[in-house]
Amino acid sequence: MGNITRYRKIEHIDICLNEDVESKIPTGFSDIILIHKALPELCLDEINVETIFLGKKLKAPIIITGMTGGHPETVEINKALAYVAEKLKIGIGVGSQRAFK
């Protein structure tokens, strides 16, 4: 991976941490009203959202996708994402798998 790409990965993380990156465009969700319809015949303990993905059992059909590019300065972020994925038994993507030299 070139130096420009390495720098861009760190720059993206820095911007997200230190700049106002939230969109000012409304999502439209405030226009939606959900009508509560209880399902008393269901027992939460009996609901199973586990799935098999690529031969691995996941507790839920959720995959964390990291955007750090595996940059050496992002080790702590990647460790935290891996810890959460392991603890919750959900998947985690490994990105492009480009080797650093």
PDB file of N, CA and C in Angstrom:
ATOM      1  N   MET A   1       0.866  -1.175   0.000  1.00  0.00           N
ATOM      2  CA  MET A   1       0.000   0.000   0.000  1.00  0.00           C
ATOM      3  C   MET A   1       0.901   1.222   0.000  1.00  0.00           C
ATOM      4  N   GLY A   2       0.606   2.156  -0.848  1.00  0.00           N
ATOM      5  CA  GLY A   2       1.442   3.341  -0.966  1.00  0.00           C
ATOM      6  C   GLY A   2       1.301   4.275   0.221  1.00  0.00           C
ATOM      7  N   ASN A   3       2.258   5.178   0.336  1.00  0.00           N
ATOM      8  CA  ASN A   3       2.239   6.152   1.434  1.00  0.00           C
ATOM      9  C   ASN A   3       1.016   7.050   1.379  1.00  0.00           C
ATOM     10  N   ILE A   4       0.541   7.380   0.158  1.00  0.00           N
ATOM     11  CA  ILE A   4      -0.636   8.241   0.032  1.00  0.00           C
ATOM     12  C   ILE A   4      -1.855   7.541   0.633  1.00  0.00           C
ATOM     13  N   THR A   5      -2.032   6.262   0.312  1.00  0.00           N
ATOM     14  CA  THR A   5      -3.169   5.509   0.846  1.00  0.00           C
ATOM     15  C   THR A   5      -3.062   5.377   2.353  1.00  0.00           C
ATOM     16  N   ARG A   6      -1.868   5.098   2.849  1.00  0.00           N
ATOM     17  CA  ARG A   6      -1.663   4.999   4.306  1.00  0.00           C
ATOM     18  C   ARG A   6      -2.057   6.302   4.988  1.00  0.00           C
ATOM     19  N   TYR A   7      -1.603   7.412   4.433  1.00  0.00           N
ATOM     20  CA  TYR A   7      -1.906   8.721   5.019  1.00  0.00           C
ATOM     21  C   TYR A   7      -3.415   8.976   4.993  1.00  0.00           C
ATOM     22  N   ARG A   8      -4.068   8.617   3.880  1.00  0.00           N
ATOM     23  CA  ARG A   8      -5.511   8.851   3.750  1.00  0.00           C
ATOM     24  C   ARG A   8      -6.296   8.093   4.817  1.00  0.00           C
ATOM     25  N   LYS A   9      -5.893   6.873   5.158  1.00  0.00           N
ATOM     26  CA  LYS A   9      -6.606   6.091   6.183  1.00  0.00           C
ATOM     27  C   LYS A   9      -6.558   6.817   7.526  1.00  0.00           C
ATOM     28  N   ILE A  10      -5.391   7.299   7.897  1.00  0.00           N
ATOM     29  CA  ILE A  10      -5.240   8.024   9.160  1.00  0.00           C
ATOM     30  C   ILE A  10      -5.986   9.350   9.091  1.00  0.00           C
ATOM     31  N   GLU A  11      -5.922  10.017   7.954  1.00  0.00           N
ATOM     32  CA  GLU A  11      -6.621  11.290   7.787  1.00  0.00           C
ATOM     33  C   GLU A  11      -8.136  11.100   7.947  1.00  0.00           C
ATOM     34  N   HIS A  12      -8.685  10.040   7.380  1.00  0.00           N
ATOM     35  CA  HIS A  12     -10.123   9.760   7.515  1.00  0.00           C
ATOM     36  C   HIS A  12     -10.513   9.576   8.978  1.00  0.00           C
ATOM     37  N   ILE A  13      -9.729   8.822   9.716  1.00  0.00           N
ATOM     38  CA  ILE A  13     -10.015   8.593  11.135  1.00  0.00           C
ATOM     39  C   ILE A  13      -9.914   9.905  11.905  1.00  0.00           C
ATOM     40  N   ASP A  14      -8.885  10.688  11.635  1.00  0.00           N
ATOM     41  CA  ASP A  14      -8.710  11.975  12.311  1.00  0.00           C
ATOM     42  C   ASP A  14      -9.897  12.900  12.042  1.00  0.00           C
ATOM     43  N   ILE A  15     -10.349  12.950  10.813  1.00  0.00           N
ATOM     44  CA  ILE A  15     -11.498  13.793  10.462  1.00  0.00           C
ATOM     45  C   ILE A  15     -12.745  13.345  11.226  1.00  0.00           C
ATOM     46  N   CYS A  16     -12.983  12.043  11.268  1.00  0.00           N
ATOM     47  CA  CYS A  16     -14.166  11.538  11.985  1.00  0.00           C
ATOM     48  C   CYS A  16     -14.107  11.830  13.477  1.00  0.00           C
ATOM     49  N   LEU A  17     -12.913  11.809  14.034  1.00  0.00           N
ATOM     50  CA  LEU A  17     -12.757  12.063  15.462  1.00  0.00           C
ATOM     51  C   LEU A  17     -12.811  13.545  15.815  1.00  0.00           C
ATOM     52  N   ASN A  18     -12.369  14.410  14.908  1.00  0.00           N
ATOM     53  CA  ASN A  18     -12.164  15.801  15.271  1.00  0.00           C
ATOM     54  C   ASN A  18     -12.984  16.827  14.496  1.00  0.00           C
ATOM     55  N   GLU A  19     -13.715  16.400  13.506  1.00  0.00           N
ATOM     56  CA  GLU A  19     -14.500  17.334  12.704  1.00  0.00           C
ATOM     57  C   GLU A  19     -15.987  17.007  12.819  1.00  0.00           C
ATOM     58  N   ASP A  20     -16.820  17.949  12.461  1.00  0.00           N
ATOM     59  CA  ASP A  20     -18.264  17.734  12.430  1.00  0.00           C
ATOM     60  C   ASP A  20     -18.605  17.074  11.100  1.00  0.00           C
ATOM     61  N   VAL A  21     -18.776  15.762  11.118  1.00  0.00           N
ATOM     62  CA  VAL A  21     -18.993  15.012   9.878  1.00  0.00           C
ATOM     63  C   VAL A  21     -20.431  14.522   9.721  1.00  0.00           C
ATOM     64  N   GLU A  22     -21.285  14.853  10.676  1.00  0.00           N
ATOM     65  CA  GLU A  22     -22.674  14.401  10.584  1.00  0.00           C
ATOM     66  C   GLU A  22     -23.421  15.205   9.532  1.00  0.00           C
ATOM     67  N   SER A  23     -24.249  14.506   8.796  1.00  0.00           N
ATOM     68  CA  SER A  23     -25.031  15.152   7.741  1.00  0.00           C
ATOM     69  C   SER A  23     -26.075  16.084   8.349  1.00  0.00           C
ATOM     70  N   LYS A  24     -26.289  17.186   7.679  1.00  0.00           N
ATOM     71  CA  LYS A  24     -27.330  18.133   8.101  1.00  0.00           C
ATOM     72  C   LYS A  24     -28.634  17.881   7.339  1.00  0.00           C
ATOM     73  N   ILE A  25     -28.625  16.918   6.433  1.00  0.00           N
ATOM     74  CA  ILE A  25     -29.809  16.580   5.645  1.00  0.00           C
ATOM     75  C   ILE A  25     -30.698  15.655   6.471  1.00  0.00           C
ATOM     76  N   PRO A  26     -31.951  16.011   6.657  1.00  0.00           N
ATOM     77  CA  PRO A  26     -32.856  15.157   7.442  1.00  0.00           C
ATOM     78  C   PRO A  26     -33.001  13.760   6.819  1.00  0.00           C
ATOM     79  N   THR A  27     -33.113  12.759   7.667  1.00  0.00           N
ATOM     80  CA  THR A  27     -33.247  11.380   7.197  1.00  0.00           C
ATOM     81  C   THR A  27     -34.670  11.044   6.783  1.00  0.00           C
ATOM     82  N   GLY A  28     -35.630  11.819   7.299  1.00  0.00           N
ATOM     83  CA  GLY A  28     -37.030  11.519   7.022  1.00  0.00           C
ATOM     84  C   GLY A  28     -37.660  10.642   8.091  1.00  0.00           C
ATOM     85  N   PHE A  29     -36.837  10.115   9.004  1.00  0.00           N
ATOM     86  CA  PHE A  29     -37.383   9.243  10.044  1.00  0.00           C
ATOM     87  C   PHE A  29     -38.330   9.990  10.971  1.00  0.00           C
ATOM     88  N   SER A  30     -38.167  11.295  11.102  1.00  0.00           N
ATOM     89  CA  SER A  30     -39.062  12.057  11.980  1.00  0.00           C
ATOM     90  C   SER A  30     -40.477  12.118  11.413  1.00  0.00           C
ATOM     91  N   ASP A  31     -40.634  11.779  10.147  1.00  0.00           N
ATOM     92  CA  ASP A  31     -41.961  11.759   9.517  1.00  0.00           C
ATOM     93  C   ASP A  31     -42.678  10.423   9.713  1.00  0.00           C
ATOM     94  N   ILE A  32     -42.000   9.463  10.331  1.00  0.00           N
ATOM     95  CA  ILE A  32     -42.557   8.118  10.489  1.00  0.00           C
ATOM     96  C   ILE A  32     -43.037   7.919  11.915  1.00  0.00           C
ATOM     97  N   ILE A  33     -44.234   7.414  12.063  1.00  0.00           N
ATOM     98  CA  ILE A  33     -44.772   7.074  13.372  1.00  0.00           C
ATOM     99  C   ILE A  33     -45.023   5.564  13.378  1.00  0.00           C
ATOM    100  N   LEU A  34     -44.367   4.886  14.290  1.00  0.00           N
ATOM    101  CA  LEU A  34     -44.549   3.443  14.413  1.00  0.00           C
ATOM    102  C   LEU A  34     -45.699   3.164  15.363  1.00  0.00           C
ATOM    103  N   ILE A  35     -46.618   2.338  14.928  1.00  0.00           N
ATOM    104  CA  ILE A  35     -47.762   1.976  15.750  1.00  0.00           C
ATOM    105  C   ILE A  35     -47.398   0.729  16.540  1.00  0.00           C
ATOM    106  N   HIS A  36     -47.489   0.839  17.848  1.00  0.00           N
ATOM    107  CA  HIS A  36     -47.141  -0.281  18.717  1.00  0.00           C
ATOM    108  C   HIS A  36     -48.170  -1.403  18.572  1.00  0.00           C
ATOM    109  N   LYS A  37     -47.684  -2.577  18.259  1.00  0.00           N
ATOM    110  CA  LYS A  37     -48.535  -3.763  18.196  1.00  0.00           C
ATOM    111  C   LYS A  37     -47.816  -4.859  18.973  1.00  0.00           C
ATOM    112  N   ALA A  38     -48.198  -5.023  20.209  1.00  0.00           N
ATOM    113  CA  ALA A  38     -47.566  -6.020  21.069  1.00  0.00           C
ATOM    114  C   ALA A  38     -47.777  -7.417  20.510  1.00  0.00           C
ATOM    115  N   LEU A  39     -46.804  -8.258  20.753  1.00  0.00           N
ATOM    116  CA  LEU A  39     -46.888  -9.654  20.344  1.00  0.00           C
ATOM    117  C   LEU A  39     -46.782 -10.526  21.595  1.00  0.00           C
ATOM    118  N   PRO A  40     -47.808 -10.520  22.437  1.00  0.00           N
ATOM    119  CA  PRO A  40     -47.715 -11.241  23.712  1.00  0.00           C
ATOM    120  C   PRO A  40     -47.559 -12.747  23.551  1.00  0.00           C
ATOM    121  N   GLU A  41     -47.912 -13.257  22.378  1.00  0.00           N
ATOM    122  CA  GLU A  41     -47.787 -14.703  22.179  1.00  0.00           C
ATOM    123  C   GLU A  41     -46.338 -15.125  21.902  1.00  0.00           C
ATOM    124  N   LEU A  42     -45.443 -14.153  21.725  1.00  0.00           N
ATOM    125  CA  LEU A  42     -44.040 -14.469  21.500  1.00  0.00           C
ATOM    126  C   LEU A  42     -43.240 -14.328  22.779  1.00  0.00           C
ATOM    127  N   CYS A  43     -42.307 -15.227  22.938  1.00  0.00           N
ATOM    128  CA  CYS A  43     -41.384 -15.163  24.072  1.00  0.00           C
ATOM    129  C   CYS A  43     -40.018 -14.759  23.529  1.00  0.00           C
ATOM    130  N   LEU A  44     -39.480 -13.654  24.006  1.00  0.00           N
ATOM    131  CA  LEU A  44     -38.209 -13.148  23.514  1.00  0.00           C
ATOM    132  C   LEU A  44     -37.108 -14.205  23.569  1.00  0.00           C
ATOM    133  N   ASP A  45     -37.120 -15.038  24.597  1.00  0.00           N
ATOM    134  CA  ASP A  45     -36.103 -16.082  24.740  1.00  0.00           C
ATOM    135  C   ASP A  45     -36.195 -17.140  23.646  1.00  0.00           C
ATOM    136  N   GLU A  46     -37.337 -17.216  22.978  1.00  0.00           N
ATOM    137  CA  GLU A  46     -37.530 -18.221  21.930  1.00  0.00           C
ATOM    138  C   GLU A  46     -37.208 -17.690  20.528  1.00  0.00           C
ATOM    139  N   ILE A  47     -36.909 -16.408  20.419  1.00  0.00           N
ATOM    140  CA  ILE A  47     -36.576 -15.825  19.130  1.00  0.00           C
ATOM    141  C   ILE A  47     -35.088 -16.047  18.872  1.00  0.00           C
ATOM    142  N   ASN A  48     -34.782 -16.644  17.736  1.00  0.00           N
ATOM    143  CA  ASN A  48     -33.408 -16.981  17.397  1.00  0.00           C
ATOM    144  C   ASN A  48     -33.034 -16.311  16.081  1.00  0.00           C
ATOM    145  N   VAL A  49     -32.052 -15.432  16.121  1.00  0.00           N
ATOM    146  CA  VAL A  49     -31.594 -14.764  14.905  1.00  0.00           C
ATOM    147  C   VAL A  49     -30.209 -15.271  14.484  1.00  0.00           C
ATOM    148  N   GLU A  50     -29.771 -16.380  15.090  1.00  0.00           N
ATOM    149  CA  GLU A  50     -28.478 -16.944  14.718  1.00  0.00           C
ATOM    150  C   GLU A  50     -28.495 -17.347  13.245  1.00  0.00           C
ATOM    151  N   THR A  51     -27.321 -17.314  12.646  1.00  0.00           N
ATOM    152  CA  THR A  51     -27.200 -17.687  11.243  1.00  0.00           C
ATOM    153  C   THR A  51     -25.838 -18.315  11.007  1.00  0.00           C
ATOM    154  N   ILE A  52     -25.720 -19.009   9.910  1.00  0.00           N
ATOM    155  CA  ILE A  52     -24.439 -19.568   9.491  1.00  0.00           C
ATOM    156  C   ILE A  52     -23.959 -18.733   8.313  1.00  0.00           C
ATOM    157  N   PHE A  53     -22.734 -18.225   8.412  1.00  0.00           N
ATOM    158  CA  PHE A  53     -22.155 -17.437   7.327  1.00  0.00           C
ATOM    159  C   PHE A  53     -20.751 -17.956   7.064  1.00  0.00           C
ATOM    160  N   LEU A  54     -20.504 -18.383   5.857  1.00  0.00           N
ATOM    161  CA  LEU A  54     -19.208 -18.954   5.468  1.00  0.00           C
ATOM    162  C   LEU A  54     -18.784 -20.069   6.424  1.00  0.00           C
ATOM    163  N   GLY A  55     -19.760 -20.867   6.826  1.00  0.00           N
ATOM    164  CA  GLY A  55     -19.484 -22.005   7.694  1.00  0.00           C
ATOM    165  C   GLY A  55     -19.321 -21.667   9.164  1.00  0.00           C
ATOM    166  N   LYS A  56     -19.502 -20.424   9.527  1.00  0.00           N
ATOM    167  CA  LYS A  56     -19.362 -19.996  10.931  1.00  0.00           C
ATOM    168  C   LYS A  56     -20.716 -19.591  11.486  1.00  0.00           C
ATOM    169  N   LYS A  57     -20.970 -19.993  12.722  1.00  0.00           N
ATOM    170  CA  LYS A  57     -22.225 -19.647  13.382  1.00  0.00           C
ATOM    171  C   LYS A  57     -22.101 -18.255  14.000  1.00  0.00           C
ATOM    172  N   LEU A  58     -23.023 -17.375  13.637  1.00  0.00           N
ATOM    173  CA  LEU A  58     -23.064 -16.023  14.190  1.00  0.00           C
ATOM    174  C   LEU A  58     -24.320 -15.870  15.036  1.00  0.00           C
ATOM    175  N   LYS A  59     -24.230 -15.122  16.127  1.00  0.00           N
ATOM    176  CA  LYS A  59     -25.383 -14.885  16.998  1.00  0.00           C
ATOM    177  C   LYS A  59     -26.447 -14.029  16.328  1.00  0.00           C
ATOM    178  N   ALA A  60     -26.039 -13.235  15.331  1.00  0.00           N
ATOM    179  CA  ALA A  60     -26.966 -12.377  14.598  1.00  0.00           C
ATOM    180  C   ALA A  60     -26.375 -12.126  13.215  1.00  0.00           C
ATOM    181  N   PRO A  61     -27.224 -11.832  12.243  1.00  0.00           N
ATOM    182  CA  PRO A  61     -26.710 -11.573  10.885  1.00  0.00           C
ATOM    183  C   PRO A  61     -26.134 -10.154  10.766  1.00  0.00           C
ATOM    184  N   ILE A  62     -25.093  -9.924  11.544  1.00  0.00           N
ATOM    185  CA  ILE A  62     -24.442  -8.612  11.591  1.00  0.00           C
ATOM    186  C   ILE A  62     -22.951  -8.809  11.364  1.00  0.00           C
ATOM    187  N   ILE A  63     -22.376  -7.971  10.503  1.00  0.00           N
ATOM    188  CA  ILE A  63     -20.936  -8.015  10.241  1.00  0.00           C
ATOM    189  C   ILE A  63     -20.363  -6.613  10.442  1.00  0.00           C
ATOM    190  N   ILE A  64     -19.341  -6.497  11.279  1.00  0.00           N
ATOM    191  CA  ILE A  64     -18.628  -5.233  11.449  1.00  0.00           C
ATOM    192  C   ILE A  64     -17.681  -5.095  10.264  1.00  0.00           C
ATOM    193  N   THR A  65     -17.728  -3.962   9.588  1.00  0.00           N
ATOM    194  CA  THR A  65     -16.790  -3.739   8.491  1.00  0.00           C
ATOM    195  C   THR A  65     -15.900  -2.566   8.852  1.00  0.00           C
ATOM    196  N   GLY A  66     -14.642  -2.844   9.068  1.00  0.00           N
ATOM    197  CA  GLY A  66     -13.684  -1.815   9.438  1.00  0.00           C
ATOM    198  C   GLY A  66     -13.213  -1.050   8.219  1.00  0.00           C
ATOM    199  N   MET A  67     -12.855   0.186   8.420  1.00  0.00           N
ATOM    200  CA  MET A  67     -12.378   1.044   7.329  1.00  0.00           C
ATOM    201  C   MET A  67     -10.978   1.573   7.631  1.00  0.00           C
ATOM    202  N   THR A  68     -10.244   0.907   8.505  1.00  0.00           N
ATOM    203  CA  THR A  68      -8.957   1.440   8.929  1.00  0.00           C
ATOM    204  C   THR A  68      -7.833   1.106   7.963  1.00  0.00           C
ATOM    205  N   GLY A  69      -8.050   0.154   7.089  1.00  0.00           N
ATOM    206  CA  GLY A  69      -7.009  -0.202   6.133  1.00  0.00           C
ATOM    207  C   GLY A  69      -5.850  -0.955   6.754  1.00  0.00           C
ATOM    208  N   GLY A  70      -5.986  -1.333   8.005  1.00  0.00           N
ATOM    209  CA  GLY A  70      -4.916  -2.070   8.665  1.00  0.00           C
ATOM    210  C   GLY A  70      -3.667  -1.237   8.915  1.00  0.00           C
ATOM    211  N   HIS A  71      -3.791   0.068   8.891  1.00  0.00           N
ATOM    212  CA  HIS A  71      -2.640   0.953   9.128  1.00  0.00           C
ATOM    213  C   HIS A  71      -2.063   0.665  10.508  1.00  0.00           C
ATOM    214  N   PRO A  72      -0.751   0.682  10.644  1.00  0.00           N
ATOM    215  CA  PRO A  72      -0.133   0.396  11.946  1.00  0.00           C
ATOM    216  C   PRO A  72      -0.660   1.254  13.096  1.00  0.00           C
ATOM    217  N   GLU A  73      -1.056   2.491  12.819  1.00  0.00           N
ATOM    218  CA  GLU A  73      -1.556   3.362  13.879  1.00  0.00           C
ATOM    219  C   GLU A  73      -3.013   3.072  14.256  1.00  0.00           C
ATOM    220  N   THR A  74      -3.639   2.100  13.586  1.00  0.00           N
ATOM    221  CA  THR A  74      -5.041   1.780  13.876  1.00  0.00           C
ATOM    222  C   THR A  74      -5.189   0.459  14.630  1.00  0.00           C
ATOM    223  N   VAL A  75      -4.103  -0.046  15.128  1.00  0.00           N
ATOM    224  CA  VAL A  75      -4.130  -1.336  15.827  1.00  0.00           C
ATOM    225  C   VAL A  75      -5.143  -1.337  16.967  1.00  0.00           C
ATOM    226  N   GLU A  76      -5.176  -0.278  17.765  1.00  0.00           N
ATOM    227  CA  GLU A  76      -6.096  -0.240  18.915  1.00  0.00           C
ATOM    228  C   GLU A  76      -7.561  -0.228  18.461  1.00  0.00           C
ATOM    229  N   ILE A  77      -7.850   0.493  17.368  1.00  0.00           N
ATOM    230  CA  ILE A  77      -9.222   0.495  16.836  1.00  0.00           C
ATOM    231  C   ILE A  77      -9.593  -0.915  16.391  1.00  0.00           C
ATOM    232  N   ASN A  78      -8.704  -1.567  15.644  1.00  0.00           N
ATOM    233  CA  ASN A  78      -8.985  -2.912  15.154  1.00  0.00           C
ATOM    234  C   ASN A  78      -9.111  -3.920  16.295  1.00  0.00           C
ATOM    235  N   LYS A  79      -8.304  -3.757  17.338  1.00  0.00           N
ATOM    236  CA  LYS A  79      -8.413  -4.635  18.520  1.00  0.00           C
ATOM    237  C   LYS A  79      -9.783  -4.475  19.169  1.00  0.00           C
ATOM    238  N   ALA A  80     -10.236  -3.222  19.294  1.00  0.00           N
ATOM    239  CA  ALA A  80     -11.538  -2.965  19.918  1.00  0.00           C
ATOM    240  C   ALA A  80     -12.666  -3.567  19.080  1.00  0.00           C
ATOM    241  N   LEU A  81     -12.601  -3.412  17.767  1.00  0.00           N
ATOM    242  CA  LEU A  81     -13.626  -4.004  16.893  1.00  0.00           C
ATOM    243  C   LEU A  81     -13.617  -5.525  16.993  1.00  0.00           C
ATOM    244  N   ALA A  82     -12.429  -6.114  17.017  1.00  0.00           N
ATOM    245  CA  ALA A  82     -12.312  -7.566  17.130  1.00  0.00           C
ATOM    246  C   ALA A  82     -12.854  -8.058  18.479  1.00  0.00           C
ATOM    247  N   TYR A  83     -12.572  -7.319  19.534  1.00  0.00           N
ATOM    248  CA  TYR A  83     -13.068  -7.685  20.869  1.00  0.00           C
ATOM    249  C   TYR A  83     -14.597  -7.687  20.887  1.00  0.00           C
ATOM    250  N   VAL A  84     -15.206  -6.638  20.334  1.00  0.00           N
ATOM    251  CA  VAL A  84     -16.668  -6.549  20.303  1.00  0.00           C
ATOM    252  C   VAL A  84     -17.254  -7.686  19.476  1.00  0.00           C
ATOM    253  N   ALA A  85     -16.661  -7.954  18.315  1.00  0.00           N
ATOM    254  CA  ALA A  85     -17.158  -9.036  17.461  1.00  0.00           C
ATOM    255  C   ALA A  85     -17.086 -10.376  18.182  1.00  0.00           C
ATOM    256  N   GLU A  86     -15.987 -10.624  18.865  1.00  0.00           N
ATOM    257  CA  GLU A  86     -15.829 -11.881  19.597  1.00  0.00           C
ATOM    258  C   GLU A  86     -16.827 -11.978  20.754  1.00  0.00           C
ATOM    259  N   LYS A  87     -16.946 -10.898  21.508  1.00  0.00           N
ATOM    260  CA  LYS A  87     -17.837 -10.898  22.672  1.00  0.00           C
ATOM    261  C   LYS A  87     -19.298 -11.124  22.261  1.00  0.00           C
ATOM    262  N   LEU A  88     -19.706 -10.482  21.163  1.00  0.00           N
ATOM    263  CA  LEU A  88     -21.093 -10.596  20.703  1.00  0.00           C
ATOM    264  C   LEU A  88     -21.314 -11.770  19.757  1.00  0.00           C
ATOM    265  N   LYS A  89     -20.230 -12.439  19.381  1.00  0.00           N
ATOM    266  CA  LYS A  89     -20.291 -13.575  18.450  1.00  0.00           C
ATOM    267  C   LYS A  89     -20.909 -13.169  17.120  1.00  0.00           C
ATOM    268  N   ILE A  90     -20.431 -12.028  16.599  1.00  0.00           N
ATOM    269  CA  ILE A  90     -20.862 -11.564  15.283  1.00  0.00           C
ATOM    270  C   ILE A  90     -19.636 -11.515  14.375  1.00  0.00           C
ATOM    271  N   GLY A  91     -19.860 -11.324  13.093  1.00  0.00           N
ATOM    272  CA  GLY A  91     -18.768 -11.318  12.134  1.00  0.00           C
ATOM    273  C   GLY A  91     -18.020  -9.995  12.085  1.00  0.00           C
ATOM    274  N   ILE A  92     -16.821 -10.077  11.534  1.00  0.00           N
ATOM    275  CA  ILE A  92     -16.033  -8.865  11.306  1.00  0.00           C
ATOM    276  C   ILE A  92     -15.295  -9.037   9.986  1.00  0.00           C
ATOM    277  N   GLY A  93     -15.374  -8.006   9.143  1.00  0.00           N
ATOM    278  CA  GLY A  93     -14.680  -8.033   7.862  1.00  0.00           C
ATOM    279  C   GLY A  93     -13.215  -7.711   8.046  1.00  0.00           C
ATOM    280  N   VAL A  94     -12.399  -8.173   7.119  1.00  0.00           N
ATOM    281  CA  VAL A  94     -10.971  -7.921   7.228  1.00  0.00           C
ATOM    282  C   VAL A  94     -10.475  -6.980   6.137  1.00  0.00           C
ATOM    283  N   GLY A  95     -11.378  -6.368   5.409  1.00  0.00           N
ATOM    284  CA  GLY A  95     -10.997  -5.373   4.414  1.00  0.00           C
ATOM    285  C   GLY A  95     -10.260  -5.966   3.233  1.00  0.00           C
ATOM    286  N   SER A  96      -9.385  -5.175   2.685  1.00  0.00           N
ATOM    287  CA  SER A  96      -8.694  -5.545   1.449  1.00  0.00           C
ATOM    288  C   SER A  96      -7.551  -6.527   1.679  1.00  0.00           C
ATOM    289  N   GLN A  97      -7.104  -6.660   2.900  1.00  0.00           N
ATOM    290  CA  GLN A  97      -6.013  -7.565   3.260  1.00  0.00           C
ATOM    291  C   GLN A  97      -4.700  -7.220   2.562  1.00  0.00           C
ATOM    292  N   ARG A  98      -4.523  -5.937   2.242  1.00  0.00           N
ATOM    293  CA  ARG A  98      -3.271  -5.523   1.626  1.00  0.00           C
ATOM    294  C   ARG A  98      -2.163  -5.535   2.676  1.00  0.00           C
ATOM    295  N   ALA A  99      -1.043  -6.082   2.326  1.00  0.00           N
ATOM    296  CA  ALA A  99       0.081  -6.185   3.264  1.00  0.00           C
ATOM    297  C   ALA A  99       0.852  -4.859   3.327  1.00  0.00           C
ATOM    298  N   PHE A 100       1.299  -4.523   4.520  1.00  0.00           N
ATOM    299  CA  PHE A 100       2.134  -3.342   4.718  1.00  0.00           C
ATOM    300  C   PHE A 100       3.586  -3.793   4.726  1.00  0.00           C
ATOM    301  N   LYS A 101       4.417  -2.983   4.163  1.00  0.00           N
ATOM    302  CA  LYS A 101       5.866  -3.313   4.161  1.00  0.00           C
ATOM    303  C   LYS A 101       6.623  -2.213   4.835  1.00  0.00           C
TER     304      LYS A 101
END
